[in-house]
PDB file of N, CA and C in Angstrom:
ATOM      1  N   GLU A   1      -7.563   4.300   3.358  1.00  0.00           N
ATOM      2  CA  GLU A   1      -6.354   3.626   3.734  1.00  0.00           C
ATOM      3  C   GLU A   1      -6.623   2.600   4.822  1.00  0.00           C
ATOM      4  N   SER A   2      -7.520   2.916   5.731  1.00  0.00           N
ATOM      5  CA  SER A   2      -7.823   1.942   6.785  1.00  0.00           C
ATOM      6  C   SER A   2      -8.484   0.698   6.191  1.00  0.00           C
ATOM      7  N   LEU A   3      -9.234   0.868   5.120  1.00  0.00           N
ATOM      8  CA  LEU A   3      -9.842  -0.297   4.471  1.00  0.00           C
ATOM      9  C   LEU A   3      -8.776  -1.171   3.806  1.00  0.00           C
ATOM     10  N   ILE A   4      -7.747  -0.549   3.244  1.00  0.00           N
ATOM     11  CA  ILE A   4      -6.642  -1.320   2.666  1.00  0.00           C
ATOM     12  C   ILE A   4      -5.962  -2.126   3.770  1.00  0.00           C
ATOM     13  N   ASP A   5      -5.754  -1.488   4.920  1.00  0.00           N
ATOM     14  CA  ASP A   5      -5.145  -2.196   6.051  1.00  0.00           C
ATOM     15  C   ASP A   5      -6.006  -3.371   6.493  1.00  0.00           C
ATOM     16  N   ARG A   6      -7.309  -3.176   6.555  1.00  0.00           N
ATOM     17  CA  ARG A   6      -8.207  -4.262   6.970  1.00  0.00           C
ATOM     18  C   ARG A   6      -8.211  -5.389   5.943  1.00  0.00           C
ATOM     19  N   LEU A   7      -8.212  -5.038   4.670  1.00  0.00           N
ATOM     20  CA  LEU A   7      -8.168  -6.049   3.619  1.00  0.00           C
ATOM     21  C   LEU A   7      -6.882  -6.858   3.705  1.00  0.00           C
ATOM     22  N   ALA A   8      -5.768  -6.174   3.903  1.00  0.00           N
ATOM     23  CA  ALA A   8      -4.485  -6.873   4.034  1.00  0.00           C
ATOM     24  C   ALA A   8      -4.524  -7.827   5.220  1.00  0.00           C
ATOM     25  N   GLN A   9      -5.121  -7.395   6.303  1.00  0.00           N
ATOM     26  CA  GLN A   9      -5.226  -8.260   7.478  1.00  0.00           C
ATOM     27  C   GLN A   9      -6.088  -9.487   7.165  1.00  0.00           C
ATOM     28  N   GLU A  10      -7.205  -9.271   6.502  1.00  0.00           N
ATOM     29  CA  GLU A  10      -8.073 -10.388   6.124  1.00  0.00           C
ATOM     30  C   GLU A  10      -7.356 -11.372   5.194  1.00  0.00           C
ATOM     31  N   LEU A  11      -6.519 -10.832   4.297  1.00  0.00           N
ATOM     32  CA  LEU A  11      -5.780 -11.672   3.351  1.00  0.00           C
ATOM     33  C   LEU A  11      -4.487 -12.216   3.949  1.00  0.00           C
ATOM     34  N   ASP A  12      -4.164 -11.764   5.145  1.00  0.00           N
ATOM     35  CA  ASP A  12      -2.939 -12.156   5.851  1.00  0.00           C
ATOM     36  C   ASP A  12      -1.692 -11.837   5.034  1.00  0.00           C
ATOM     37  N   ILE A  13      -1.668 -10.602   4.495  1.00  0.00           N
ATOM     38  CA  ILE A  13      -0.480 -10.135   3.785  1.00  0.00           C
ATOM     39  C   ILE A  13      -0.079  -8.777   4.345  1.00  0.00           C
ATOM     40  N   ASP A  14       1.161  -8.419   4.110  1.00  0.00           N
ATOM     41  CA  ASP A  14       1.701  -7.141   4.545  1.00  0.00           C
ATOM     42  C   ASP A  14       0.950  -6.008   3.844  1.00  0.00           C
ATOM     43  N   PRO A  15       0.450  -5.023   4.590  1.00  0.00           N
ATOM     44  CA  PRO A  15      -0.285  -3.917   3.968  1.00  0.00           C
ATOM     45  C   PRO A  15       0.544  -3.130   2.953  1.00  0.00           C
ATOM     46  N   ILE A  16       1.837  -3.027   3.184  1.00  0.00           N
ATOM     47  CA  ILE A  16       2.694  -2.343   2.218  1.00  0.00           C
ATOM     48  C   ILE A  16       2.775  -3.163   0.933  1.00  0.00           C
ATOM     49  N   GLU A  17       2.853  -4.492   1.060  1.00  0.00           N
ATOM     50  CA  GLU A  17       2.879  -5.352  -0.134  1.00  0.00           C
ATOM     51  C   GLU A  17       1.597  -5.200  -0.941  1.00  0.00           C
ATOM     52  N   LEU A  18       0.468  -5.123  -0.262  1.00  0.00           N
ATOM     53  CA  LEU A  18      -0.802  -4.950  -0.964  1.00  0.00           C
ATOM     54  C   LEU A  18      -0.793  -3.642  -1.745  1.00  0.00           C
ATOM     55  N   ARG A  19      -0.313  -2.590  -1.124  1.00  0.00           N
ATOM     56  CA  ARG A  19      -0.231  -1.304  -1.814  1.00  0.00           C
ATOM     57  C   ARG A  19       0.746  -1.366  -2.995  1.00  0.00           C
ATOM     58  N   LEU A  20       1.888  -2.025  -2.798  1.00  0.00           N
ATOM     59  CA  LEU A  20       2.862  -2.148  -3.881  1.00  0.00           C
ATOM     60  C   LEU A  20       2.290  -2.911  -5.069  1.00  0.00           C
ATOM     61  N   LYS A  21       1.540  -3.963  -4.793  1.00  0.00           N
ATOM     62  CA  LYS A  21       0.957  -4.762  -5.870  1.00  0.00           C
ATOM     63  C   LYS A  21      -0.057  -3.970  -6.678  1.00  0.00           C
ATOM     64  N   ASN A  22      -0.660  -2.962  -6.064  1.00  0.00           N
ATOM     65  CA  ASN A  22      -1.704  -2.184  -6.728  1.00  0.00           C
ATOM     66  C   ASN A  22      -1.238  -0.817  -7.206  1.00  0.00           C
ATOM     67  N   ALA A  23       0.030  -0.493  -6.990  1.00  0.00           N
ATOM     68  CA  ALA A  23       0.558   0.802  -7.424  1.00  0.00           C
ATOM     69  C   ALA A  23       0.764   0.804  -8.937  1.00  0.00           C
ATOM     70  N   LEU A  24       0.413   1.907  -9.553  1.00  0.00           N
ATOM     71  CA  LEU A  24       0.568   2.038 -11.000  1.00  0.00           C
ATOM     72  C   LEU A  24       1.976   2.489 -11.356  1.00  0.00           C
ATOM     73  N   ASP A  25       2.495   1.959 -12.456  1.00  0.00           N
ATOM     74  CA  ASP A  25       3.792   2.341 -12.999  1.00  0.00           C
ATOM     75  C   ASP A  25       3.576   3.145 -14.275  1.00  0.00           C
ATOM     76  N   ILE A  26       4.637   3.751 -14.755  1.00  0.00           N
ATOM     77  CA  ILE A  26       4.578   4.404 -16.069  1.00  0.00           C
ATOM     78  C   ILE A  26       4.193   3.328 -17.091  1.00  0.00           C
ATOM     79  N   GLY A  27       3.206   3.629 -17.911  1.00  0.00           N
ATOM     80  CA  GLY A  27       2.728   2.679 -18.908  1.00  0.00           C
ATOM     81  C   GLY A  27       1.501   1.904 -18.459  1.00  0.00           C
ATOM     82  N   SER A  28       1.223   1.907 -17.163  1.00  0.00           N
ATOM     83  CA  SER A  28       0.023   1.228 -16.656  1.00  0.00           C
ATOM     84  C   SER A  28      -1.221   2.000 -17.081  1.00  0.00           C
ATOM     85  N   ARG A  29      -2.318   1.270 -17.197  1.00  0.00           N
ATOM     86  CA  ARG A  29      -3.597   1.903 -17.522  1.00  0.00           C
ATOM     87  C   ARG A  29      -4.447   2.014 -16.259  1.00  0.00           C
ATOM     88  N   THR A  30      -5.094   3.159 -16.123  1.00  0.00           N
ATOM     89  CA  THR A  30      -6.014   3.349 -15.007  1.00  0.00           C
ATOM     90  C   THR A  30      -7.332   2.653 -15.331  1.00  0.00           C
ATOM     91  N   HIS A  31      -8.232   2.624 -14.376  1.00  0.00           N
ATOM     92  CA  HIS A  31      -9.541   1.997 -14.621  1.00  0.00           C
ATOM     93  C   HIS A  31     -10.353   2.765 -15.658  1.00  0.00           C
ATOM     94  N   LEU A  32      -9.962   4.002 -15.958  1.00  0.00           N
ATOM     95  CA  LEU A  32     -10.635   4.784 -16.992  1.00  0.00           C
ATOM     96  C   LEU A  32      -9.941   4.677 -18.349  1.00  0.00           C
ATOM     97  N   GLY A  33      -8.879   3.869 -18.413  1.00  0.00           N
ATOM     98  CA  GLY A  33      -8.176   3.653 -19.658  1.00  0.00           C
ATOM     99  C   GLY A  33      -7.046   4.635 -19.939  1.00  0.00           C
ATOM    100  N   GLN A  34      -6.804   5.563 -19.023  1.00  0.00           N
ATOM    101  CA  GLN A  34      -5.709   6.507 -19.207  1.00  0.00           C
ATOM    102  C   GLN A  34      -4.375   5.793 -18.990  1.00  0.00           C
ATOM    103  N   VAL A  35      -3.399   6.124 -19.808  1.00  0.00           N
ATOM    104  CA  VAL A  35      -2.070   5.540 -19.673  1.00  0.00           C
ATOM    105  C   VAL A  35      -1.226   6.471 -18.804  1.00  0.00           C
ATOM    106  N   MET A  36      -0.606   5.897 -17.791  1.00  0.00           N
ATOM    107  CA  MET A  36       0.259   6.677 -16.900  1.00  0.00           C
ATOM    108  C   MET A  36       1.528   7.048 -17.668  1.00  0.00           C
ATOM    109  N   ARG A  37       1.763   8.323 -17.859  1.00  0.00           N
ATOM    110  CA  ARG A  37       2.939   8.790 -18.592  1.00  0.00           C
ATOM    111  C   ARG A  37       4.031   9.293 -17.650  1.00  0.00           C
ATOM    112  N   ASP A  38       3.648   9.638 -16.448  1.00  0.00           N
ATOM    113  CA  ASP A  38       4.592  10.136 -15.452  1.00  0.00           C
ATOM    114  C   ASP A  38       4.445   9.305 -14.188  1.00  0.00           C
ATOM    115  N   SER A  39       5.403   9.435 -13.313  1.00  0.00           N
ATOM    116  CA  SER A  39       5.372   8.688 -12.068  1.00  0.00           C
ATOM    117  C   SER A  39       5.501   9.637 -10.887  1.00  0.00           C
ATOM    118  N   VAL A  40       4.817   9.300  -9.800  1.00  0.00           N
ATOM    119  CA  VAL A  40       5.007  10.019  -8.546  1.00  0.00           C
ATOM    120  C   VAL A  40       5.927   9.210  -7.637  1.00  0.00           C
ATOM    121  N   ASN A  41       6.464   8.129  -8.196  1.00  0.00           N
ATOM    122  CA  ASN A  41       7.428   7.275  -7.501  1.00  0.00           C
ATOM    123  C   ASN A  41       6.855   6.661  -6.227  1.00  0.00           C
ATOM    124  N   ILE A  42       5.599   6.266  -6.272  1.00  0.00           N
ATOM    125  CA  ILE A  42       4.930   5.731  -5.089  1.00  0.00           C
ATOM    126  C   ILE A  42       5.596   4.459  -4.565  1.00  0.00           C
ATOM    127  N   LYS A  43       6.118   3.633  -5.439  1.00  0.00           N
ATOM    128  CA  LYS A  43       6.735   2.387  -4.970  1.00  0.00           C
ATOM    129  C   LYS A  43       7.967   2.657  -4.114  1.00  0.00           C
ATOM    130  N   ALA A  44       8.783   3.624  -4.512  1.00  0.00           N
ATOM    131  CA  ALA A  44       9.959   3.976  -3.706  1.00  0.00           C
ATOM    132  C   ALA A  44       9.527   4.557  -2.363  1.00  0.00           C
ATOM    133  N   GLU A  45       8.464   5.350  -2.376  1.00  0.00           N
ATOM    134  CA  GLU A  45       7.961   5.928  -1.126  1.00  0.00           C
ATOM    135  C   GLU A  45       7.452   4.837  -0.187  1.00  0.00           C
ATOM    136  N   LEU A  46       6.722   3.885  -0.728  1.00  0.00           N
ATOM    137  CA  LEU A  46       6.212   2.787   0.101  1.00  0.00           C
ATOM    138  C   LEU A  46       7.354   1.952   0.680  1.00  0.00           C
ATOM    139  N   GLU A  47       8.366   1.695  -0.134  1.00  0.00           N
ATOM    140  CA  GLU A  47       9.522   0.930   0.355  1.00  0.00           C
ATOM    141  C   GLU A  47      10.229   1.687   1.474  1.00  0.00           C
ATOM    142  N   ALA A  48      10.339   3.005   1.334  1.00  0.00           N
ATOM    143  CA  ALA A  48      10.991   3.821   2.358  1.00  0.00           C
ATOM    144  C   ALA A  48      10.192   3.822   3.662  1.00  0.00           C
ATOM    145  N   LEU A  49       8.892   3.665   3.554  1.00  0.00           N
ATOM    146  CA  LEU A  49       8.029   3.676   4.738  1.00  0.00           C
ATOM    147  C   LEU A  49       7.871   2.306   5.392  1.00  0.00           C
ATOM    148  N   ARG A  50       8.321   1.273   4.738  1.00  0.00           N
ATOM    149  CA  ARG A  50       8.079  -0.089   5.226  1.00  0.00           C
ATOM    150  C   ARG A  50       8.497  -0.266   6.694  1.00  0.00           C
ATOM    151  N   GLY A  51       9.719   0.050   7.039  1.00  0.00           N
ATOM    152  CA  GLY A  51      10.203  -0.134   8.415  1.00  0.00           C
ATOM    153  C   GLY A  51       9.498   0.761   9.414  1.00  0.00           C
ATOM    154  N   PRO A  52       9.484   2.090   9.184  1.00  0.00           N
ATOM    155  CA  PRO A  52       8.805   2.979  10.129  1.00  0.00           C
ATOM    156  C   PRO A  52       7.315   2.684  10.270  1.00  0.00           C
ATOM    157  N   TRP A  53       6.660   2.329   9.167  1.00  0.00           N
ATOM    158  CA  TRP A  53       5.237   2.026   9.224  1.00  0.00           C
ATOM    159  C   TRP A  53       4.996   0.783  10.083  1.00  0.00           C
ATOM    160  N   ALA A  54       5.794  -0.251   9.885  1.00  0.00           N
ATOM    161  CA  ALA A  54       5.633  -1.483  10.661  1.00  0.00           C
ATOM    162  C   ALA A  54       5.845  -1.213  12.143  1.00  0.00           C
ATOM    163  N   GLU A  55       6.835  -0.401  12.471  1.00  0.00           N
ATOM    164  CA  GLU A  55       7.100  -0.068  13.870  1.00  0.00           C
ATOM    165  C   GLU A  55       5.933   0.715  14.474  1.00  0.00           C
ATOM    166  N   ALA A  56       5.431   1.687  13.752  1.00  0.00           N
ATOM    167  CA  ALA A  56       4.301   2.483  14.240  1.00  0.00           C
ATOM    168  C   ALA A  56       3.067   1.606  14.425  1.00  0.00           C
ATOM    169  N   TRP A  57       2.832   0.689  13.504  1.00  0.00           N
ATOM    170  CA  TRP A  57       1.677  -0.207  13.595  1.00  0.00           C
ATOM    171  C   TRP A  57       1.777  -1.106  14.825  1.00  0.00           C
ATOM    172  N   ARG A  58       2.980  -1.646  15.067  1.00  0.00           N
ATOM    173  CA  ARG A  58       3.172  -2.507  16.248  1.00  0.00           C
ATOM    174  C   ARG A  58       2.932  -1.751  17.544  1.00  0.00           C
ATOM    175  N   ASN A  59       3.290  -0.478  17.567  1.00  0.00           N
ATOM    176  CA  ASN A  59       3.183   0.315  18.785  1.00  0.00           C
ATOM    177  C   ASN A  59       1.863   1.062  18.924  1.00  0.00           C
ATOM    178  N   SER A  60       0.979   0.938  17.958  1.00  0.00           N
ATOM    179  CA  SER A  60      -0.271   1.687  18.006  1.00  0.00           C
ATOM    180  C   SER A  60      -1.318   0.958  18.833  1.00  0.00           C
ATOM    181  N   ALA A  61      -2.315   1.725  19.192  1.00  0.00           N
ATOM    182  CA  ALA A  61      -3.434   1.172  19.943  1.00  0.00           C
ATOM    183  C   ALA A  61      -4.594   0.840  19.002  1.00  0.00           C
ATOM    184  N   VAL A  62      -4.299   0.775  17.715  1.00  0.00           N
ATOM    185  CA  VAL A  62      -5.344   0.489  16.724  1.00  0.00           C
ATOM    186  C   VAL A  62      -5.825  -0.940  16.928  1.00  0.00           C
ATOM    187  N   PRO A  63      -7.130  -1.118  17.121  1.00  0.00           N
ATOM    188  CA  PRO A  63      -7.635  -2.482  17.302  1.00  0.00           C
ATOM    189  C   PRO A  63      -7.457  -3.312  16.044  1.00  0.00           C
ATOM    190  N   ARG A  64      -7.038  -4.522  16.194  1.00  0.00           N
ATOM    191  CA  ARG A  64      -6.860  -5.449  15.074  1.00  0.00           C
ATOM    192  C   ARG A  64      -8.114  -6.306  14.952  1.00  0.00           C
ATOM    193  N   MET A  65      -8.420  -6.661  13.732  1.00  0.00           N
ATOM    194  CA  MET A  65      -9.541  -7.567  13.523  1.00  0.00           C
ATOM    195  C   MET A  65      -9.110  -8.973  13.926  1.00  0.00           C
ATOM    196  N   SER A  66     -10.009  -9.704  14.517  1.00  0.00           N
ATOM    197  CA  SER A  66      -9.649 -11.073  14.906  1.00  0.00           C
ATOM    198  C   SER A  66     -10.260 -12.083  13.989  1.00  0.00           C
TER     199      SER A  66
END
């Protein structure tokens, strides 16, 4: 997850957006060719975390890449 955050920073995009763009939906194929038949509703979870995650990130002591 920290690598996703670093990649998002390098790309200058919101880390939640990066995760949303890469989240699989029902009908999506995995890298092994399996078709997703069920959902864990990850997109709704990420959307619900958007505000709290951004606030926690702003208030953290996590060093940012320059």
